[in-house]
PDB file of N, CA and C in Angstrom:
ATOM      1  N   MET A   1       0.800  -1.230   0.041  1.00  0.00           N
ATOM      2  CA  MET A   1      -0.523  -0.026   0.017  1.00  0.00           C
ATOM      3  C   MET A   1       0.758   1.209  -0.198  1.00  0.00           C
ATOM      4  N   LYS A   2       1.094   1.954  -0.972  1.00  0.00           N
ATOM      5  CA  LYS A   2       2.006   3.023  -1.359  1.00  0.00           C
ATOM      6  C   LYS A   2       1.232   4.448  -0.380  1.00  0.00           C
ATOM      7  N   GLU A   3       0.350   4.656  -0.755  1.00  0.00           N
ATOM      8  CA  GLU A   3      -0.589   5.054  -0.049  1.00  0.00           C
ATOM      9  C   GLU A   3      -0.419   5.593   1.401  1.00  0.00           C
ATOM     10  N   ILE A   4      -0.073   4.695   2.174  1.00  0.00           N
ATOM     11  CA  ILE A   4       0.045   4.488   3.504  1.00  0.00           C
ATOM     12  C   ILE A   4       1.550   5.752   3.950  1.00  0.00           C
ATOM     13  N   LYS A   5       2.307   5.863   2.962  1.00  0.00           N
ATOM     14  CA  LYS A   5       3.595   6.277   3.557  1.00  0.00           C
ATOM     15  C   LYS A   5       3.396   7.793   3.048  1.00  0.00           C
ATOM     16  N   LYS A   6       2.518   7.803   2.402  1.00  0.00           N
ATOM     17  CA  LYS A   6       2.130   9.376   1.282  1.00  0.00           C
ATOM     18  C   LYS A   6       1.365  10.197   3.242  1.00  0.00           C
ATOM     19  N   ILE A   7       0.234   9.311   3.302  1.00  0.00           N
ATOM     20  CA  ILE A   7      -0.004   9.653   4.702  1.00  0.00           C
ATOM     21  C   ILE A   7       0.765  10.297   5.753  1.00  0.00           C
ATOM     22  N   ASN A   8       0.122  11.744   6.242  1.00  0.00           N
ATOM     23  CA  ASN A   8       1.293  12.063   7.582  1.00  0.00           C
ATOM     24  C   ASN A   8       0.074  11.582   8.822  1.00  0.00           C
ATOM     25  N   ALA A   9       0.912  12.077  10.114  1.00  0.00           N
ATOM     26  CA  ALA A   9       0.942  10.837  11.169  1.00  0.00           C
ATOM     27  C   ALA A   9       0.317  11.365  12.050  1.00  0.00           C
ATOM     28  N   GLU A  10      -0.564  12.420  12.446  1.00  0.00           N
ATOM     29  CA  GLU A  10      -2.521  12.246  12.597  1.00  0.00           C
ATOM     30  C   GLU A  10      -3.120  12.258  11.232  1.00  0.00           C
ATOM     31  N   ASP A  11      -2.993  11.597   9.937  1.00  0.00           N
ATOM     32  CA  ASP A  11      -4.139  10.661   9.120  1.00  0.00           C
ATOM     33  C   ASP A  11      -3.987   9.358   9.589  1.00  0.00           C
ATOM     34  N   LEU A  12      -3.145   9.064   9.521  1.00  0.00           N
ATOM     35  CA  LEU A  12      -2.147   7.282   9.463  1.00  0.00           C
ATOM     36  C   LEU A  12      -2.869   7.086  11.370  1.00  0.00           C
ATOM     37  N   VAL A  13      -3.128   8.277  11.933  1.00  0.00           N
ATOM     38  CA  VAL A  13      -4.464   7.359  13.362  1.00  0.00           C
ATOM     39  C   VAL A  13      -5.257   7.245  13.606  1.00  0.00           C
ATOM     40  N   LYS A  14      -5.919   8.518  12.743  1.00  0.00           N
ATOM     41  CA  LYS A  14      -7.267   8.297  12.647  1.00  0.00           C
ATOM     42  C   LYS A  14      -7.882   7.380  11.813  1.00  0.00           C
ATOM     43  N   LEU A  15      -7.100   6.356  10.413  1.00  0.00           N
ATOM     44  CA  LEU A  15      -6.556   5.963   9.487  1.00  0.00           C
ATOM     45  C   LEU A  15      -7.255   4.483  10.939  1.00  0.00           C
ATOM     46  N   LEU A  16      -5.530   3.999  11.403  1.00  0.00           N
ATOM     47  CA  LEU A  16      -5.676   3.254  12.658  1.00  0.00           C
ATOM     48  C   LEU A  16      -7.102   2.943  12.933  1.00  0.00           C
ATOM     49  N   ALA A  17      -7.772   3.731  13.803  1.00  0.00           N
ATOM     50  CA  ALA A  17      -9.257   3.985  14.564  1.00  0.00           C
ATOM     51  C   ALA A  17     -10.075   3.200  14.049  1.00  0.00           C
ATOM     52  N   GLU A  18     -10.463   3.538  12.560  1.00  0.00           N
ATOM     53  CA  GLU A  18     -11.303   3.542  11.670  1.00  0.00           C
ATOM     54  C   GLU A  18     -11.060   2.266  11.177  1.00  0.00           C
ATOM     55  N   LYS A  19      -9.715   1.439  11.533  1.00  0.00           N
ATOM     56  CA  LYS A  19     -10.002   0.245  11.016  1.00  0.00           C
ATOM     57  C   LYS A  19     -10.150  -0.567  12.703  1.00  0.00           C
ATOM     58  N   ARG A  20      -9.132   0.030  13.146  1.00  0.00           N
ATOM     59  CA  ARG A  20      -9.739  -1.462  14.593  1.00  0.00           C
ATOM     60  C   ARG A  20     -11.089  -1.067  14.922  1.00  0.00           C
ATOM     61  N   GLU A  21     -12.246  -0.080  14.824  1.00  0.00           N
ATOM     62  CA  GLU A  21     -13.479   0.255  14.582  1.00  0.00           C
ATOM     63  C   GLU A  21     -14.085  -0.820  13.828  1.00  0.00           C
ATOM     64  N   ALA A  22     -13.751  -0.971  12.378  1.00  0.00           N
ATOM     65  CA  ALA A  22     -14.507  -1.711  11.907  1.00  0.00           C
ATOM     66  C   ALA A  22     -14.054  -3.461  11.576  1.00  0.00           C
ATOM     67  N   VAL A  23     -12.735  -3.871  12.290  1.00  0.00           N
ATOM     68  CA  VAL A  23     -12.583  -5.509  13.116  1.00  0.00           C
ATOM     69  C   VAL A  23     -13.303  -5.702  14.257  1.00  0.00           C
ATOM     70  N   ARG A  24     -13.661  -4.681  14.987  1.00  0.00           N
ATOM     71  CA  ARG A  24     -14.608  -5.069  16.016  1.00  0.00           C
ATOM     72  C   ARG A  24     -16.241  -4.982  15.358  1.00  0.00           C
ATOM     73  N   ALA A  25     -16.704  -3.753  14.806  1.00  0.00           N
ATOM     74  CA  ALA A  25     -17.921  -4.158  14.209  1.00  0.00           C
ATOM     75  C   ALA A  25     -17.912  -5.536  13.732  1.00  0.00           C
ATOM     76  N   PHE A  26     -17.110  -6.233  13.286  1.00  0.00           N
ATOM     77  CA  PHE A  26     -17.699  -6.873  11.793  1.00  0.00           C
ATOM     78  C   PHE A  26     -17.444  -8.245  13.145  1.00  0.00           C
ATOM     79  N   ARG A  27     -16.913  -8.039  14.362  1.00  0.00           N
ATOM     80  CA  ARG A  27     -16.998  -9.720  15.193  1.00  0.00           C
ATOM     81  C   ARG A  27     -18.399  -9.505  15.737  1.00  0.00           C
ATOM     82  N   PHE A  28     -19.061  -8.614  15.891  1.00  0.00           N
ATOM     83  CA  PHE A  28     -20.101  -8.331  16.689  1.00  0.00           C
ATOM     84  C   PHE A  28     -21.036  -8.366  14.783  1.00  0.00           C
ATOM     85  N   ASP A  29     -21.238  -7.796  14.311  1.00  0.00           N
ATOM     86  CA  ASP A  29     -22.126  -8.245  13.165  1.00  0.00           C
ATOM     87  C   ASP A  29     -22.570  -9.656  12.626  1.00  0.00           C
ATOM     88  N   ILE A  30     -20.994 -10.111  12.794  1.00  0.00           N
ATOM     89  CA  ILE A  30     -20.523 -11.942  12.549  1.00  0.00           C
ATOM     90  C   ILE A  30     -21.741 -13.130  13.481  1.00  0.00           C
ATOM     91  N   ALA A  31     -21.567 -12.138  14.776  1.00  0.00           N
ATOM     92  CA  ALA A  31     -22.289 -13.078  15.617  1.00  0.00           C
ATOM     93  C   ALA A  31     -23.775 -12.831  15.547  1.00  0.00           C
ATOM     94  N   GLY A  32     -24.256 -11.521  14.972  1.00  0.00           N
ATOM     95  CA  GLY A  32     -25.844 -11.495  14.608  1.00  0.00           C
ATOM     96  C   GLY A  32     -25.893 -12.048  13.115  1.00  0.00           C
ATOM     97  N   SER A  33     -24.439 -12.591  12.596  1.00  0.00           N
ATOM     98  CA  SER A  33     -25.229 -13.170  11.133  1.00  0.00           C
ATOM     99  C   SER A  33     -25.477 -12.124   9.978  1.00  0.00           C
ATOM    100  N   ALA A  34     -25.257 -10.779  10.405  1.00  0.00           N
ATOM    101  CA  ALA A  34     -25.171  -9.687   9.193  1.00  0.00           C
ATOM    102  C   ALA A  34     -24.769  -9.742   8.239  1.00  0.00           C
ATOM    103  N   LYS A  35     -23.553 -10.551   8.990  1.00  0.00           N
ATOM    104  CA  LYS A  35     -22.350  -9.903   7.171  1.00  0.00           C
ATOM    105  C   LYS A  35     -21.614 -10.894   6.607  1.00  0.00           C
ATOM    106  N   LYS A  36     -22.146 -10.827   5.328  1.00  0.00           N
ATOM    107  CA  LYS A  36     -21.746 -12.527   4.692  1.00  0.00           C
ATOM    108  C   LYS A  36     -20.309 -12.033   3.424  1.00  0.00           C
ATOM    109  N   ASN A  37     -19.438 -11.326   3.837  1.00  0.00           N
ATOM    110  CA  ASN A  37     -18.112 -10.771   3.757  1.00  0.00           C
ATOM    111  C   ASN A  37     -17.076 -11.376   4.242  1.00  0.00           C
ATOM    112  N   VAL A  38     -16.797 -12.590   4.860  1.00  0.00           N
ATOM    113  CA  VAL A  38     -15.939 -13.360   5.581  1.00  0.00           C
ATOM    114  C   VAL A  38     -14.567 -12.424   5.595  1.00  0.00           C
ATOM    115  N   LYS A  39     -14.274 -12.562   4.282  1.00  0.00           N
ATOM    116  CA  LYS A  39     -12.882 -12.136   4.080  1.00  0.00           C
ATOM    117  C   LYS A  39     -12.047 -10.839   4.424  1.00  0.00           C
ATOM    118  N   ALA A  40     -13.623  -9.266   5.200  1.00  0.00           N
ATOM    119  CA  ALA A  40     -13.442  -8.022   5.561  1.00  0.00           C
ATOM    120  C   ALA A  40     -12.705  -7.853   6.215  1.00  0.00           C
ATOM    121  N   LYS A  41     -12.422  -8.985   7.213  1.00  0.00           N
ATOM    122  CA  LYS A  41     -11.648  -8.904   8.982  1.00  0.00           C
ATOM    123  C   LYS A  41     -10.740  -9.309   8.511  1.00  0.00           C
ATOM    124  N   MET A  42     -10.428 -10.182   7.803  1.00  0.00           N
ATOM    125  CA  MET A  42      -8.732 -10.444   7.037  1.00  0.00           C
ATOM    126  C   MET A  42      -8.259  -9.386   6.000  1.00  0.00           C
ATOM    127  N   THR A  43      -8.809  -8.283   5.842  1.00  0.00           N
ATOM    128  CA  THR A  43      -8.274  -7.599   5.075  1.00  0.00           C
ATOM    129  C   THR A  43      -8.066  -6.251   5.612  1.00  0.00           C
ATOM    130  N   ALA A  44      -8.950  -6.155   7.089  1.00  0.00           N
ATOM    131  CA  ALA A  44      -8.655  -4.889   7.853  1.00  0.00           C
ATOM    132  C   ALA A  44      -7.272  -5.297   8.693  1.00  0.00           C
ATOM    133  N   ARG A  45      -7.282  -6.590   8.805  1.00  0.00           N
ATOM    134  CA  ARG A  45      -6.673  -6.561   9.939  1.00  0.00           C
ATOM    135  C   ARG A  45      -5.692  -6.616   9.231  1.00  0.00           C
ATOM    136  N   LYS A  46      -4.790  -7.112   8.146  1.00  0.00           N
ATOM    137  CA  LYS A  46      -3.420  -6.799   7.399  1.00  0.00           C
ATOM    138  C   LYS A  46      -3.596  -5.037   6.960  1.00  0.00           C
ATOM    139  N   GLU A  47      -4.128  -4.383   6.755  1.00  0.00           N
ATOM    140  CA  GLU A  47      -4.583  -2.728   6.361  1.00  0.00           C
ATOM    141  C   GLU A  47      -4.152  -2.466   8.267  1.00  0.00           C
ATOM    142  N   ILE A  48      -4.404  -2.802   8.774  1.00  0.00           N
ATOM    143  CA  ILE A  48      -4.116  -2.731  10.328  1.00  0.00           C
ATOM    144  C   ILE A  48      -2.337  -3.246  11.128  1.00  0.00           C
ATOM    145  N   ALA A  49      -2.114  -3.777  10.024  1.00  0.00           N
ATOM    146  CA  ALA A  49      -0.895  -4.137  10.151  1.00  0.00           C
ATOM    147  C   ALA A  49       0.213  -2.959   9.505  1.00  0.00           C
ATOM    148  N   ARG A  50      -0.441  -3.096   8.141  1.00  0.00           N
ATOM    149  CA  ARG A  50       0.625  -2.581   7.018  1.00  0.00           C
ATOM    150  C   ARG A  50       0.401  -0.924   7.811  1.00  0.00           C
ATOM    151  N   ILE A  51      -0.634  -0.363   8.966  1.00  0.00           N
ATOM    152  CA  ILE A  51      -0.662   1.013   9.026  1.00  0.00           C
ATOM    153  C   ILE A  51       0.629   0.826   9.966  1.00  0.00           C
ATOM    154  N   LEU A  52       0.054  -0.212  11.322  1.00  0.00           N
ATOM    155  CA  LEU A  52       1.718  -0.015  12.218  1.00  0.00           C
ATOM    156  C   LEU A  52       2.580  -0.295  11.977  1.00  0.00           C
ATOM    157  N   THR A  53       3.468  -1.288  10.907  1.00  0.00           N
ATOM    158  CA  THR A  53       4.677  -1.321  10.310  1.00  0.00           C
ATOM    159  C   THR A  53       5.028   0.120  10.108  1.00  0.00           C
ATOM    160  N   GLU A  54       4.187   1.164   8.952  1.00  0.00           N
ATOM    161  CA  GLU A  54       4.471   2.350   8.198  1.00  0.00           C
ATOM    162  C   GLU A  54       4.607   3.160   9.752  1.00  0.00           C
ATOM    163  N   GLU A  55       4.442   3.536  10.660  1.00  0.00           N
ATOM    164  CA  GLU A  55       3.842   4.443  12.428  1.00  0.00           C
ATOM    165  C   GLU A  55       5.691   4.145  13.012  1.00  0.00           C
ATOM    166  N   ASN A  56       5.597   2.906  13.190  1.00  0.00           N
ATOM    167  CA  ASN A  56       6.482   2.248  13.642  1.00  0.00           C
ATOM    168  C   ASN A  56       8.824   1.952  12.625  1.00  0.00           C
ATOM    169  N   LEU A  57       7.935   2.239  11.450  1.00  0.00           N
ATOM    170  CA  LEU A  57       8.912   2.524  10.174  1.00  0.00           C
ATOM    171  C   LEU A  57       9.289   3.893  10.730  1.00  0.00           C
ATOM    172  N   ARG A  58       8.378   5.028  10.207  1.00  0.00           N
ATOM    173  CA  ARG A  58       8.346   6.359  10.612  1.00  0.00           C
ATOM    174  C   ARG A  58       9.440   6.720  13.000  1.00  0.00           C
ATOM    175  N   LYS A  59       8.897   6.152  13.783  1.00  0.00           N
ATOM    176  CA  LYS A  59       9.823   6.236  14.685  1.00  0.00           C
ATOM    177  C   LYS A  59      11.271   6.072  14.711  1.00  0.00           C
ATOM    178  N   SER A  60      11.012   4.705  13.765  1.00  0.00           N
ATOM    179  CA  SER A  60      12.563   4.268  14.067  1.00  0.00           C
ATOM    180  C   SER A  60      13.785   4.894  13.196  1.00  0.00           C
ATOM    181  N   THR A  61      13.256   5.634  12.311  1.00  0.00           N
ATOM    182  CA  THR A  61      14.090   6.500  11.200  1.00  0.00           C
ATOM    183  C   THR A  61      14.160   7.947  11.823  1.00  0.00           C
ATOM    184  N   GLY A  62      12.996   7.957  12.260  1.00  0.00           N
ATOM    185  CA  GLY A  62      12.580   9.776  13.152  1.00  0.00           C
ATOM    186  C   GLY A  62      12.533  10.677  11.870  1.00  0.00           C
ATOM    187  N   ALA A  63      11.669  10.478  10.842  1.00  0.00           N
ATOM    188  CA  ALA A  63      11.761  10.863   9.487  1.00  0.00           C
ATOM    189  C   ALA A  63       9.697  11.011   9.412  1.00  0.00           C
ATOM    190  N   ASN A  64       9.504  12.044   9.535  1.00  0.00           N
ATOM    191  CA  ASN A  64       8.165  12.684   9.234  1.00  0.00           C
ATOM    192  C   ASN A  64       7.345  12.034  10.308  1.00  0.00           C
ATOM    193  N   VAL A  65       7.637  12.006  11.476  1.00  0.00           N
ATOM    194  CA  VAL A  65       7.064  11.936  12.986  1.00  0.00           C
ATOM    195  C   VAL A  65       5.968  12.889  12.785  1.00  0.00           C
ATOM    196  N   ASN A  66       5.445  13.739  13.216  1.00  0.00           N
ATOM    197  CA  ASN A  66       4.676  15.033  13.486  1.00  0.00           C
ATOM    198  C   ASN A  66       4.433  15.463  12.221  1.00  0.00           C
ATOM    199  N   ALA A  67       4.977  15.248  10.928  1.00  0.00           N
ATOM    200  CA  ALA A  67       4.460  15.788  10.163  1.00  0.00           C
ATOM    201  C   ALA A  67       2.691  15.168   9.337  1.00  0.00           C
TER     202      ALA A  67
END
């Protein structure tokens, strides 16, 4: 996801919160059988991992932390 590298730190935090909320909502929707797309959780979790990886990379290199 090359788009993640272009996003600033504040937007990454917002995107991370949105994806975590999507995973949480999926868990509760699947219990009620409301969701049919079973790959949505896996996709959201992979995107969360990509976001966290980019955040950790930025912290370790010290580049673009607050920008």
